[in-house]
Amino acid sequence: MRQLLRLLAVAAAVFETMAVTNDLTLSITNLDANRRLISWQMKSLVPPPGLPILPNHTLQGSRDLVQWHNLQFYRGSNLLSRTLNFAVDINSPTNFRFFRVQSSLDLSGRRFVFSQLGRANFAGVNLTGVDFFGANLTNANFSGANLSGAEVSFGFLPFADFRKANLFGSSFIRANLHGSTFRGADASFSDFSNADLSSTDLTGTDLRFTLLTDADLSFARLHGALVDENTIMPPKFFLIWRLVTFDSSFLSLKGLDMSVANLVDANLEGSDLSKANLSGSELARVNLRRANLLGANLNFANLRDAQIDETTQIDPKWRFVWQLHEHGGVGLNIGQTNLTRANLAEVDFTGANLARAVFTSNILFRANFTGANLSNATFFNADLGEVNFRQANLDRALFTGATLQGAIFEQAKMPFVNLSSQLLDDVKMRGATLTSVNFSFAQLSRADFSEAKLSNANFIQANLSSASFTNAVLNRASLNLARLNGVKAQTASLVGALCVDAIFDNANFEGADLSEANLTRANLANANFRNAIMTNTILTGARFSNTIMPDGTRRSQ
């Protein structure tokens, strides 16, 4: 199968210019008064460091842009650097005025077992019968490609693009296809048994005579997929396919399992969903008017933009969750409210009173709690990724088991909070009040504690590599066995801090106050203590190597 990947016509009048089309460049340079050199570079379909796969290139010339002739002779080509050259005599009566590069690629029948092919661009390529068994094809582009009869079992293909691809008769047994898109693809007669198809887009995909035995179709978009009696798929997702593909109003769905399903845009008006399991399901724009959801399991379900009104029968807790999505929670006084297992992602709680509220096992991703009162609130096992806690009152809030990556705590008040063993790399706590907070064993690389109040905080064995403590107050804080590599702590106050066996390699404590601090056996290699106050600082057994002392001298031992 020949594929015209790039087309470039270069007129003689612009020989001295460089023209670019997509990612292939034809470069024109002078050899002498009568000759020009056309050069271009071959590019692998797989970016480094993956396995190089190069297409075949042919330079073609034309006098009229209608008839093209192959020019197979490359002069001075360097295949090692993948540079191809062709010399042109501009005074020749048979010389062509226009040039283009045509590439062809046919990989049918090739074997790439366990190959590293992440981000490969196989768009439109003939891959008939190719063996990708166990290959890493993360983010690969197969749009429009012919993979009929291909072997992709046990492959790792999250977020791959199979739009309008021919997958007829191919095998994806136990392949990881999480997040991939198959819109408009022909996957008929294919085998996806035990494959991970979670969060995939199968809109309009031909799944007739396809095996999906025990496949994970959680959150998969099945809207408009071609399914018939010869399609073998888990009964639950066959039901989901029917609900999102056809009008499903006024159906009896009482007590059925529709959990972790993508029901976006389904019409369930007037349907009986009482005691149904909708846990974790996506319900955006689902028509639930006049529907009965009493007793339904809506734990973790996304109710944002669901079509609910006064005719919808639904338990008070879940109506309130829906209202929070629709109208937000700004300024609400809802202290002690129990919102366990609710999906409240991106809800705005700015300035709300949520003292002693229970958010156990909640999904609160990117929620906004700016200035909210969350004292004594419970966030056990909650998803708090990228949540905004700026200026919030988190006094004695409970975060056991919570996910906090990317959360913002700038200027928050959270004394006595336990964050032991938390993953808090890159966390933003600038200006926060963190008195007596327990950070022991926590991962805090690149954390920003600038100007924070950290007196009596516990950082025992915490990883604080490249964290910032500029102007922070850490008086009497415990940093025993902590990793402080590359820390920036200029003018910080560590009066009476315990830093026994801590690692200060390349740390900057210029102008800091370490009076009465205990640095017994600390590793101070390449650390900077210029102009630091070290009155009564204990340095027993400390290791010095190119260490800058308060007077600017360097000490090694």
Protein backbone atom coordinates (compact mmCIF):
# COMPACT_ATOMS: atom_id res chain seq x y z
CA MET A 1 0.00 0.00 0.00
CA ARG A 2 1.49 3.24 -1.14
CA GLN A 3 0.87 6.31 0.92
CA LEU A 4 1.48 9.89 -0.14
CA LEU A 5 2.61 11.33 3.19
CA ARG A 6 4.04 14.62 2.05
CA LEU A 7 3.86 16.71 -1.10
CA LEU A 8 6.12 19.64 -1.92
CA ALA A 9 6.51 21.50 -5.20
CA VAL A 10 9.51 23.81 -5.49
CA ALA A 11 9.67 26.27 -8.38
CA ALA A 12 13.05 27.24 -9.86
CA ALA A 13 12.37 30.85 -8.98
CA VAL A 14 12.51 30.04 -5.25
CA PHE A 15 15.43 27.59 -5.23
CA GLU A 16 17.24 29.63 -2.60
CA THR A 17 14.45 29.15 -0.03
CA MET A 18 13.58 26.36 2.35
CA ALA A 19 10.06 25.00 2.12
CA VAL A 20 8.32 23.01 4.85
CA THR A 21 5.29 20.75 4.68
CA ASN A 22 4.16 19.01 7.88
CA ASP A 23 7.30 17.48 9.45
CA LEU A 24 9.31 16.92 6.23
CA THR A 25 11.59 19.67 4.95
CA LEU A 26 13.12 20.06 1.48
CA SER A 27 16.22 22.21 1.68
CA ILE A 28 17.67 23.89 -1.43
CA THR A 29 21.37 24.89 -1.40
CA ASN A 30 23.83 26.04 -4.09
CA LEU A 31 26.59 23.66 -5.14
CA ASP A 32 27.96 26.10 -7.72
CA ALA A 33 26.62 28.53 -10.32
CA ASN A 34 24.86 25.80 -12.29
CA ARG A 35 23.81 23.22 -9.72
CA ARG A 36 21.45 23.09 -6.77
CA LEU A 37 21.27 20.43 -4.10
CA ILE A 38 17.88 19.21 -2.86
CA SER A 39 18.10 17.58 0.59
CA TRP A 40 15.65 16.14 3.09
CA GLN A 41 15.71 13.92 6.11
CA MET A 42 13.89 10.66 6.63
CA LYS A 43 11.96 10.52 9.89
CA SER A 44 11.05 7.43 11.84
CA LEU A 45 7.40 6.67 12.45
CA VAL A 46 8.41 5.98 16.05
CA PRO A 47 9.96 8.86 18.01
CA PRO A 48 13.07 8.18 20.17
CA PRO A 49 13.85 6.12 22.12
CA GLY A 50 11.50 3.66 20.40
CA LEU A 51 12.33 1.23 17.60
CA PRO A 52 13.13 3.23 14.40
CA ILE A 53 10.79 2.49 11.49
CA LEU A 54 11.63 4.40 8.30
CA PRO A 55 9.41 4.77 5.21
CA ASN A 56 10.77 4.47 1.67
CA HIS A 57 11.27 7.84 0.00
CA THR A 58 11.26 8.65 -3.71
CA LEU A 59 12.08 12.08 -5.12
CA GLN A 60 9.94 12.96 -8.11
CA GLY A 61 10.35 15.73 -10.65
CA SER A 62 7.86 17.46 -12.95
CA ARG A 63 7.82 20.21 -15.57
CA ASP A 64 4.09 20.92 -15.40
CA LEU A 65 2.85 19.58 -12.00
CA VAL A 66 0.85 16.98 -13.96
CA GLN A 67 3.33 14.31 -15.00
CA TRP A 68 5.81 13.20 -12.36
CA HIS A 69 9.00 11.16 -12.89
CA ASN A 70 10.93 9.18 -10.30
CA LEU A 71 14.48 10.42 -9.62
CA GLN A 72 16.17 7.48 -7.93
CA PHE A 73 19.79 8.64 -7.89
CA TYR A 74 20.86 10.24 -4.61
CA ARG A 75 24.19 12.00 -4.66
CA GLY A 76 26.09 12.35 -1.38
CA SER A 77 23.34 10.78 0.71
CA ASN A 78 24.14 9.97 4.32
CA LEU A 79 21.90 7.13 5.45
CA LEU A 80 23.50 7.08 8.90
CA SER A 81 22.10 10.55 9.58
CA ARG A 82 19.05 9.73 7.42
CA THR A 83 19.84 12.61 5.05
CA LEU A 84 19.02 12.16 1.34
CA ASN A 85 20.43 14.45 -1.35
CA PHE A 86 19.83 15.02 -5.07
CA ALA A 87 21.85 17.31 -7.30
CA VAL A 88 20.00 19.38 -9.94
CA ASP A 89 21.59 20.92 -13.06
CA ILE A 90 19.50 24.02 -13.57
CA ASN A 91 20.85 24.62 -17.13
CA SER A 92 19.92 21.15 -18.41
CA PRO A 93 17.21 21.29 -21.14
CA THR A 94 15.57 18.24 -19.51
CA ASN A 95 15.66 19.73 -16.05
CA PHE A 96 12.50 19.59 -13.95
CA ARG A 97 11.11 22.77 -12.43
CA PHE A 98 9.08 21.17 -9.64
CA PHE A 99 9.93 18.49 -7.10
CA ARG A 100 8.09 16.44 -4.50
CA VAL A 101 8.86 13.55 -2.16
CA GLN A 102 6.62 10.51 -2.15
CA SER A 103 6.88 7.95 0.62
CA SER A 104 5.59 4.42 0.70
CA LEU A 105 5.23 2.07 3.61
CA ASP A 106 3.95 -1.47 3.74
CA LEU A 107 4.56 -3.23 7.05
CA SER A 108 2.19 -6.13 6.44
CA GLY A 109 3.34 -9.33 8.09
CA ARG A 110 6.14 -7.67 10.08
CA ARG A 111 6.92 -8.79 13.65
CA PHE A 112 7.22 -6.23 16.46
CA VAL A 113 6.83 -8.59 19.41
CA PHE A 114 7.44 -6.74 22.73
CA SER A 115 8.82 -3.73 20.80
CA GLN A 116 8.93 -0.21 22.23
CA LEU A 117 6.70 1.77 19.85
CA GLY A 118 5.21 4.46 22.08
CA ARG A 119 3.77 7.47 20.20
CA ALA A 120 4.33 5.73 16.84
CA ASN A 121 2.54 7.30 13.87
CA PHE A 122 1.04 4.46 11.84
CA ALA A 123 -1.79 6.59 10.41
CA GLY A 124 -2.96 5.09 7.12
CA VAL A 125 -0.22 2.42 7.08
CA ASN A 126 -0.81 -1.14 5.87
CA LEU A 127 -0.33 -3.29 8.98
CA THR A 128 -2.19 -6.36 7.76
CA GLY A 129 -1.22 -9.39 9.82
CA VAL A 130 1.42 -7.48 11.81
CA ASP A 131 2.47 -9.09 15.10
CA PHE A 132 2.42 -6.51 17.93
CA PHE A 133 2.18 -9.15 20.67
CA GLY A 134 3.14 -7.54 24.01
CA ALA A 135 4.34 -4.35 22.32
CA ASN A 136 4.30 -0.95 24.03
CA LEU A 137 2.19 1.30 21.79
CA THR A 138 1.22 3.99 24.26
CA ASN A 139 -0.39 6.97 22.47
CA ALA A 140 0.22 5.35 19.08
CA ASN A 141 -1.70 6.69 16.09
CA PHE A 142 -3.43 4.01 13.99
CA SER A 143 -6.10 6.27 12.48
CA GLY A 144 -7.08 4.99 9.06
CA ALA A 145 -4.57 2.14 9.26
CA ASN A 146 -5.27 -1.40 8.06
CA LEU A 147 -4.72 -3.79 10.98
CA SER A 148 -6.88 -6.61 9.65
CA GLY A 149 -5.67 -9.93 11.05
CA ALA A 150 -3.12 -8.19 13.32
CA GLU A 151 -1.97 -9.79 16.57
CA VAL A 152 -2.02 -7.22 19.38
CA SER A 153 -2.72 -9.51 22.32
CA PHE A 154 -1.16 -8.51 25.65
CA GLY A 155 -0.15 -5.19 24.06
CA PHE A 156 0.08 -1.97 26.07
CA LEU A 157 -1.87 0.63 24.09
CA PRO A 158 -3.42 3.20 26.46
CA PHE A 159 -4.74 6.33 24.69
CA ALA A 160 -4.08 4.93 21.21
CA ASP A 161 -5.96 6.36 18.22
CA PHE A 162 -7.83 3.80 16.08
CA ARG A 163 -10.30 6.17 14.43
CA LYS A 164 -11.62 4.71 11.15
CA ALA A 165 -9.03 1.94 11.32
CA ASN A 166 -9.64 -1.50 9.78
CA LEU A 167 -9.35 -3.97 12.67
CA PHE A 168 -11.26 -6.78 10.97
CA GLY A 169 -10.32 -10.16 12.44
CA SER A 170 -7.59 -8.76 14.68
CA SER A 171 -6.74 -10.07 18.16
CA PHE A 172 -6.53 -7.78 21.22
CA ILE A 173 -6.79 -10.47 23.91
CA ARG A 174 -5.83 -9.02 27.32
CA ALA A 175 -4.53 -5.84 25.66
CA ASN A 176 -4.54 -2.61 27.68
CA LEU A 177 -6.50 -0.11 25.58
CA HIS A 178 -7.55 2.25 28.37
CA GLY A 179 -8.65 5.64 27.07
CA SER A 180 -8.20 4.73 23.39
CA THR A 181 -10.56 5.94 20.68
CA PHE A 182 -12.12 3.63 18.08
CA ARG A 183 -14.62 6.06 16.55
CA GLY A 184 -15.81 4.71 13.22
CA ALA A 185 -13.40 1.77 13.26
CA ASP A 186 -14.26 -1.65 11.81
CA ALA A 187 -13.58 -4.08 14.67
CA SER A 188 -15.90 -6.79 13.39
CA PHE A 189 -14.82 -10.42 13.85
CA SER A 190 -12.10 -9.22 16.28
CA ASP A 191 -11.28 -10.68 19.69
CA PHE A 192 -11.11 -8.31 22.68
CA SER A 193 -11.52 -11.01 25.33
CA ASN A 194 -10.32 -9.86 28.75
CA ALA A 195 -9.05 -6.59 27.22
CA ASP A 196 -9.01 -3.34 29.19
CA LEU A 197 -11.37 -1.09 27.24
CA SER A 198 -12.14 1.21 30.15
CA SER A 199 -12.82 4.84 29.22
CA THR A 200 -12.53 4.04 25.51
CA ASP A 201 -14.57 5.78 22.82
CA LEU A 202 -16.38 3.14 20.74
CA THR A 203 -18.84 5.55 19.16
CA GLY A 204 -19.96 4.15 15.82
CA THR A 205 -17.49 1.26 16.01
CA ASP A 206 -18.47 -1.91 14.14
CA LEU A 207 -18.58 -4.62 16.81
CA ARG A 208 -20.56 -7.23 14.90
CA PHE A 209 -19.28 -10.79 15.38
CA THR A 210 -16.80 -9.34 17.91
CA LEU A 211 -15.73 -11.14 21.07
CA LEU A 212 -15.72 -8.90 24.16
CA THR A 213 -15.84 -11.75 26.68
CA ASP A 214 -14.92 -10.46 30.16
CA ALA A 215 -13.63 -7.21 28.64
CA ASP A 216 -13.54 -4.21 30.97
CA LEU A 217 -15.88 -1.64 29.42
CA SER A 218 -16.08 0.62 32.46
CA PHE A 219 -16.89 4.19 31.38
CA ALA A 220 -16.59 3.15 27.71
CA ARG A 221 -18.63 5.26 25.29
CA LEU A 222 -20.80 2.78 23.39
CA HIS A 223 -23.10 5.29 21.71
CA GLY A 224 -24.09 4.19 18.21
CA ALA A 225 -21.77 1.20 18.10
CA LEU A 226 -22.84 -1.53 15.65
CA VAL A 227 -23.80 -4.48 17.84
CA ASP A 228 -25.90 -7.51 16.90
CA GLU A 229 -26.82 -10.95 18.19
CA ASN A 230 -23.38 -12.23 17.18
CA THR A 231 -21.56 -9.76 19.43
CA ILE A 232 -20.39 -11.39 22.65
CA MET A 233 -20.10 -8.82 25.44
CA PRO A 234 -20.80 -8.65 29.19
CA PRO A 235 -24.60 -8.44 29.70
CA LYS A 236 -24.30 -5.27 31.79
CA PHE A 237 -22.63 -3.37 28.98
CA PHE A 238 -24.98 -4.79 26.38
CA LEU A 239 -27.70 -3.10 28.44
CA ILE A 240 -25.68 0.13 28.59
CA TRP A 241 -25.25 0.03 24.81
CA ARG A 242 -29.01 -0.25 24.36
CA LEU A 243 -29.68 2.60 26.79
CA VAL A 244 -27.32 5.05 25.08
CA THR A 245 -28.09 4.04 21.50
CA PHE A 246 -31.90 3.91 21.56
CA ASP A 247 -34.70 5.86 23.24
CA SER A 248 -34.86 4.31 26.72
CA SER A 249 -37.64 6.34 28.27
CA PHE A 250 -40.22 4.75 30.56
CA LEU A 251 -38.31 1.47 30.96
CA SER A 252 -38.30 -0.74 34.03
CA LEU A 253 -34.68 -0.82 35.20
CA LYS A 254 -35.38 -1.43 38.87
CA GLY A 255 -32.47 -2.96 40.77
CA LEU A 256 -30.28 -3.42 37.68
CA ASP A 257 -26.50 -3.03 37.71
CA MET A 258 -25.47 0.00 35.66
CA SER A 259 -22.40 0.91 37.69
CA VAL A 260 -19.22 2.53 36.27
CA ALA A 261 -21.04 3.09 32.98
CA ASN A 262 -20.95 5.96 30.51
CA LEU A 263 -24.62 6.96 30.21
CA VAL A 264 -23.96 10.47 28.94
CA ASP A 265 -26.88 11.86 26.87
CA ALA A 266 -29.12 8.82 27.49
CA ASN A 267 -32.87 9.42 27.61
CA LEU A 268 -34.18 7.71 30.75
CA GLU A 269 -37.20 9.95 31.21
CA GLY A 270 -39.90 8.29 33.27
CA SER A 271 -37.86 5.12 33.77
CA ASP A 272 -37.96 3.12 37.00
CA LEU A 273 -34.39 3.18 38.36
CA SER A 274 -35.32 2.53 41.96
CA LYS A 275 -32.68 0.51 43.81
CA ALA A 276 -30.57 0.42 40.61
CA ASN A 277 -26.80 0.43 40.98
CA LEU A 278 -25.49 3.57 39.29
CA SER A 279 -22.36 3.77 41.41
CA GLY A 280 -19.59 5.70 39.68
CA SER A 281 -21.55 6.18 36.46
CA GLU A 282 -21.34 9.22 34.20
CA LEU A 283 -24.80 10.83 34.11
CA ALA A 284 -24.04 14.14 32.38
CA ARG A 285 -27.01 15.33 30.31
CA VAL A 286 -28.96 12.16 31.08
CA ASN A 287 -32.69 12.89 31.00
CA LEU A 288 -33.97 11.83 34.43
CA ARG A 289 -37.20 13.84 34.44
CA ARG A 290 -40.11 11.87 35.90
CA ALA A 291 -37.67 9.02 36.63
CA ASN A 292 -37.75 7.09 39.91
CA LEU A 293 -34.30 6.92 41.55
CA LEU A 294 -35.43 6.22 45.10
CA GLY A 295 -33.03 3.85 46.80
CA ALA A 296 -30.65 3.93 43.83
CA ASN A 297 -26.93 3.63 44.56
CA LEU A 298 -25.43 6.90 43.35
CA ASN A 299 -22.14 6.65 45.21
CA PHE A 300 -19.41 8.39 43.18
CA ALA A 301 -21.85 8.97 40.29
CA ASN A 302 -21.26 12.17 38.32
CA LEU A 303 -24.53 14.15 38.47
CA ARG A 304 -23.12 17.31 36.89
CA ASP A 305 -25.52 18.51 34.16
CA ALA A 306 -27.92 15.62 34.76
CA GLN A 307 -31.49 16.64 33.81
CA ILE A 308 -33.28 16.44 37.16
CA ASP A 309 -36.34 18.47 38.15
CA GLU A 310 -39.23 18.43 40.63
CA THR A 311 -40.75 15.42 38.87
CA THR A 312 -37.66 13.29 39.54
CA GLN A 313 -37.98 11.00 42.54
CA ILE A 314 -34.57 10.87 44.20
CA ASP A 315 -33.22 10.55 47.75
CA PRO A 316 -32.60 13.95 49.47
CA LYS A 317 -28.84 13.40 49.75
CA TRP A 318 -28.42 12.92 46.01
CA ARG A 319 -30.74 15.78 45.12
CA PHE A 320 -28.55 17.98 47.31
CA VAL A 321 -25.39 16.69 45.54
CA TRP A 322 -26.99 17.48 42.18
CA GLN A 323 -27.92 20.97 43.44
CA LEU A 324 -24.32 21.57 44.50
CA HIS A 325 -23.22 20.77 40.94
CA GLU A 326 -25.89 22.99 39.44
CA HIS A 327 -25.68 25.98 41.77
CA GLY A 328 -22.41 25.56 43.67
CA GLY A 329 -21.85 25.75 47.40
CA VAL A 330 -20.49 29.31 47.71
CA GLY A 331 -21.15 30.70 51.18
CA LEU A 332 -23.42 27.85 52.27
CA ASN A 333 -23.75 27.04 55.96
CA ILE A 334 -23.75 23.25 55.88
CA GLY A 335 -21.52 22.26 58.78
CA GLN A 336 -21.68 18.62 59.94
CA THR A 337 -23.24 17.57 56.61
CA ASN A 338 -22.51 13.95 55.67
CA LEU A 339 -21.57 13.74 51.99
CA THR A 340 -19.84 10.36 52.13
CA ARG A 341 -18.99 8.79 48.73
CA ALA A 342 -20.38 11.72 46.76
CA ASN A 343 -18.82 12.93 43.53
CA LEU A 344 -18.33 16.68 44.02
CA ALA A 345 -15.53 17.23 41.53
CA GLU A 346 -15.03 20.90 40.60
CA VAL A 347 -17.80 22.16 42.92
CA ASP A 348 -17.18 25.68 44.26
CA PHE A 349 -17.41 25.89 48.08
CA THR A 350 -15.77 29.33 48.41
CA GLY A 351 -16.43 30.81 51.85
CA ALA A 352 -18.74 27.97 52.90
CA ASN A 353 -19.07 26.79 56.50
CA LEU A 354 -18.26 23.08 56.38
CA ALA A 355 -17.02 22.60 59.93
CA ARG A 356 -17.17 18.91 60.90
CA ALA A 357 -18.52 18.00 57.46
CA VAL A 358 -17.87 14.41 56.38
CA PHE A 359 -16.28 13.92 52.96
CA THR A 360 -15.18 10.32 53.48
CA SER A 361 -14.27 8.60 50.17
CA ASN A 362 -15.45 11.65 48.21
CA ILE A 363 -14.36 12.62 44.72
CA LEU A 364 -13.43 16.29 45.14
CA PHE A 365 -10.98 16.65 42.27
CA ARG A 366 -10.42 20.36 41.52
CA ALA A 367 -13.05 21.46 44.02
CA ASN A 368 -12.64 25.02 45.35
CA PHE A 369 -12.62 25.55 49.14
CA THR A 370 -11.06 29.03 49.11
CA GLY A 371 -11.71 30.69 52.48
CA ALA A 372 -14.00 27.88 53.62
CA ASN A 373 -14.31 26.76 57.24
CA LEU A 374 -13.32 23.07 57.25
CA SER A 375 -12.24 22.78 60.84
CA ASN A 376 -12.52 19.19 62.06
CA ALA A 377 -13.78 18.10 58.62
CA THR A 378 -13.18 14.48 57.62
CA PHE A 379 -11.53 13.64 54.28
CA PHE A 380 -10.76 9.96 54.86
CA ASN A 381 -9.75 8.28 51.55
CA ALA A 382 -11.02 11.27 49.56
CA ASP A 383 -9.71 12.25 46.13
CA LEU A 384 -8.42 15.78 46.71
CA GLY A 385 -6.24 16.07 43.62
CA GLU A 386 -5.69 19.72 42.61
CA VAL A 387 -8.19 20.94 45.21
CA ASN A 388 -7.91 24.62 46.13
CA PHE A 389 -7.71 25.14 49.92
CA ARG A 390 -6.33 28.70 49.77
CA GLN A 391 -7.02 30.62 53.01
CA ALA A 392 -9.24 27.78 54.24
CA ASN A 393 -9.54 26.89 57.94
CA LEU A 394 -8.48 23.23 58.20
CA ASP A 395 -7.76 23.16 61.91
CA ARG A 396 -7.57 19.49 62.93
CA ALA A 397 -9.08 18.28 59.66
CA LEU A 398 -8.54 14.57 59.01
CA PHE A 399 -6.81 13.46 55.79
CA THR A 400 -6.00 9.79 56.46
CA GLY A 401 -5.73 7.92 53.16
CA ALA A 402 -6.63 11.00 51.09
CA THR A 403 -5.05 11.72 47.71
CA LEU A 404 -3.57 15.24 47.74
CA GLN A 405 -1.37 15.50 44.64
CA GLY A 406 -1.49 19.01 43.23
CA ALA A 407 -3.58 20.39 46.10
CA ILE A 408 -3.08 24.07 47.00
CA PHE A 409 -2.88 25.11 50.67
CA GLU A 410 -1.47 28.63 50.31
CA GLN A 411 -2.24 30.77 53.39
CA ALA A 412 -4.45 28.00 54.77
CA LYS A 413 -4.74 27.52 58.53
CA MET A 414 -4.24 23.87 59.35
CA PRO A 415 -2.53 23.41 62.72
CA PHE A 416 -2.28 19.91 64.21
CA VAL A 417 -3.18 18.18 60.94
CA ASN A 418 -1.73 14.71 60.31
CA LEU A 419 -0.19 14.36 56.84
CA SER A 420 2.21 11.57 57.70
CA SER A 421 3.37 9.44 54.73
CA GLN A 422 1.36 11.51 52.25
CA LEU A 423 2.46 11.98 48.63
CA LEU A 424 2.76 15.77 48.47
CA ASP A 425 5.38 16.42 45.81
CA ASP A 426 5.04 19.97 44.41
CA VAL A 427 2.41 20.88 47.00
CA LYS A 428 1.84 24.62 47.46
CA MET A 429 1.75 25.70 51.11
CA ARG A 430 3.19 29.20 50.83
CA GLY A 431 2.23 31.36 53.81
CA ALA A 432 0.21 28.59 55.43
CA THR A 433 -0.12 28.10 59.19
CA LEU A 434 1.17 24.56 59.76
CA THR A 435 1.99 24.61 63.45
CA SER A 436 2.56 21.10 64.83
CA VAL A 437 1.56 19.44 61.52
CA ASN A 438 2.83 15.88 61.14
CA PHE A 439 4.72 15.47 57.83
CA SER A 440 6.77 12.47 58.97
CA PHE A 441 7.74 10.10 56.13
CA ALA A 442 5.91 12.30 53.61
CA GLN A 443 7.09 12.84 50.03
CA LEU A 444 7.49 16.61 49.71
CA SER A 445 9.91 17.10 46.81
CA ARG A 446 9.74 20.63 45.41
CA ALA A 447 7.07 21.61 47.94
CA ASP A 448 6.67 25.35 48.51
CA PHE A 449 6.69 26.28 52.22
CA SER A 450 7.89 29.84 51.68
CA GLU A 451 6.80 32.15 54.53
CA ALA A 452 4.90 29.28 56.15
CA LYS A 453 4.56 28.95 59.93
CA LEU A 454 5.93 25.49 60.79
CA SER A 455 6.89 25.72 64.44
CA ASN A 456 6.93 22.27 66.09
CA ALA A 457 6.16 20.58 62.75
CA ASN A 458 7.29 16.97 62.38
CA PHE A 459 9.35 16.21 59.26
CA ILE A 460 11.07 13.05 60.54
CA GLN A 461 12.37 11.05 57.56
CA ALA A 462 10.43 13.23 55.13
CA ASN A 463 11.74 13.71 51.59
CA LEU A 464 12.07 17.49 51.15
CA SER A 465 14.42 17.48 48.16
CA SER A 466 14.43 20.87 46.40
CA ALA A 467 11.63 22.19 48.64
CA SER A 468 11.44 25.91 49.39
CA PHE A 469 11.40 27.26 52.97
CA THR A 470 12.40 30.83 52.19
CA ASN A 471 11.43 33.08 55.14
CA ALA A 472 9.60 30.16 56.77
CA VAL A 473 9.45 29.66 60.55
CA LEU A 474 10.49 26.15 61.64
CA ASN A 475 11.35 26.85 65.26
CA ARG A 476 11.61 23.60 67.23
CA ALA A 477 10.59 21.61 64.17
CA SER A 478 11.82 18.03 63.97
CA LEU A 479 13.79 17.27 60.81
CA ASN A 480 15.66 14.21 62.03
CA LEU A 481 16.73 11.92 59.15
CA ALA A 482 15.01 14.25 56.68
CA ARG A 483 16.30 14.63 53.12
CA LEU A 484 16.96 18.33 52.57
CA ASN A 485 18.96 18.02 49.34
CA GLY A 486 18.81 21.23 47.35
CA VAL A 487 16.43 22.91 49.82
CA LYS A 488 16.11 26.70 49.56
CA ALA A 489 15.74 28.10 53.08
CA GLN A 490 17.24 31.58 52.87
CA THR A 491 16.47 33.70 55.94
CA ALA A 492 14.32 30.91 57.41
CA SER A 493 14.11 30.53 61.19
CA LEU A 494 15.04 27.10 62.60
CA VAL A 495 15.72 28.08 66.21
CA GLY A 496 15.96 24.92 68.28
CA ALA A 497 15.15 22.68 65.30
CA LEU A 498 16.19 19.01 65.46
CA CYS A 499 18.12 17.97 62.36
CA VAL A 500 19.96 14.89 63.59
CA ASP A 501 21.26 12.73 60.71
CA ALA A 502 19.55 15.00 58.20
CA ILE A 503 20.98 15.40 54.68
CA PHE A 504 21.71 19.03 53.71
CA ASP A 505 23.58 18.32 50.46
CA ASN A 506 23.50 21.45 48.24
CA ALA A 507 20.96 23.09 50.54
CA ASN A 508 20.89 26.89 50.80
CA PHE A 509 20.40 28.29 54.33
CA GLU A 510 22.00 31.65 53.62
CA GLY A 511 20.96 34.16 56.28
CA ALA A 512 18.91 31.55 58.16
CA ASP A 513 18.71 31.43 61.96
CA LEU A 514 19.85 28.02 63.24
CA SER A 515 20.47 29.09 66.81
CA GLU A 516 20.43 26.12 69.22
CA ALA A 517 19.53 23.79 66.35
CA ASN A 518 20.85 20.22 66.63
CA LEU A 519 22.70 19.09 63.49
CA THR A 520 24.40 16.06 65.05
CA ARG A 521 25.82 13.76 62.34
CA ALA A 522 24.09 15.81 59.64
CA ASN A 523 25.52 15.66 56.11
CA LEU A 524 26.39 19.26 55.24
CA ALA A 525 28.23 18.62 51.97
CA ASN A 526 28.05 21.60 49.59
CA ALA A 527 25.54 23.34 51.87
CA ASN A 528 25.50 27.14 52.06
CA PHE A 529 25.27 28.73 55.53
CA ARG A 530 26.68 32.13 54.56
CA ASN A 531 25.57 34.83 57.04
CA ALA A 532 23.53 32.24 58.94
CA ILE A 533 23.12 32.60 62.70
CA MET A 534 24.49 29.46 64.34
CA THR A 535 24.71 30.49 67.98
CA ASN A 536 24.94 27.38 70.17
CA THR A 537 24.21 25.19 67.14
CA ILE A 538 25.20 21.57 67.81
CA LEU A 539 27.43 20.20 65.04
CA THR A 540 28.76 17.09 66.79
CA GLY A 541 29.76 14.51 64.18
CA ALA A 542 28.47 16.64 61.30
CA ARG A 543 30.12 15.97 57.94
CA PHE A 544 31.55 18.93 56.07
CA SER A 545 32.60 18.93 52.41
CA ASN A 546 32.91 22.23 50.58
CA THR A 547 30.43 23.62 53.11
CA ILE A 548 30.10 27.42 53.16
CA MET A 549 30.21 28.57 56.77
CA PRO A 550 28.55 31.75 58.18
CA ASP A 551 31.74 33.78 57.68
CA GLY A 552 31.97 32.73 54.00
CA THR A 553 34.85 30.29 54.47
CA ARG A 554 34.61 26.78 53.07
CA ARG A 555 35.00 23.83 55.39
CA SER A 556 35.78 20.22 54.53
CA GLN A 557 36.79 17.27 56.64
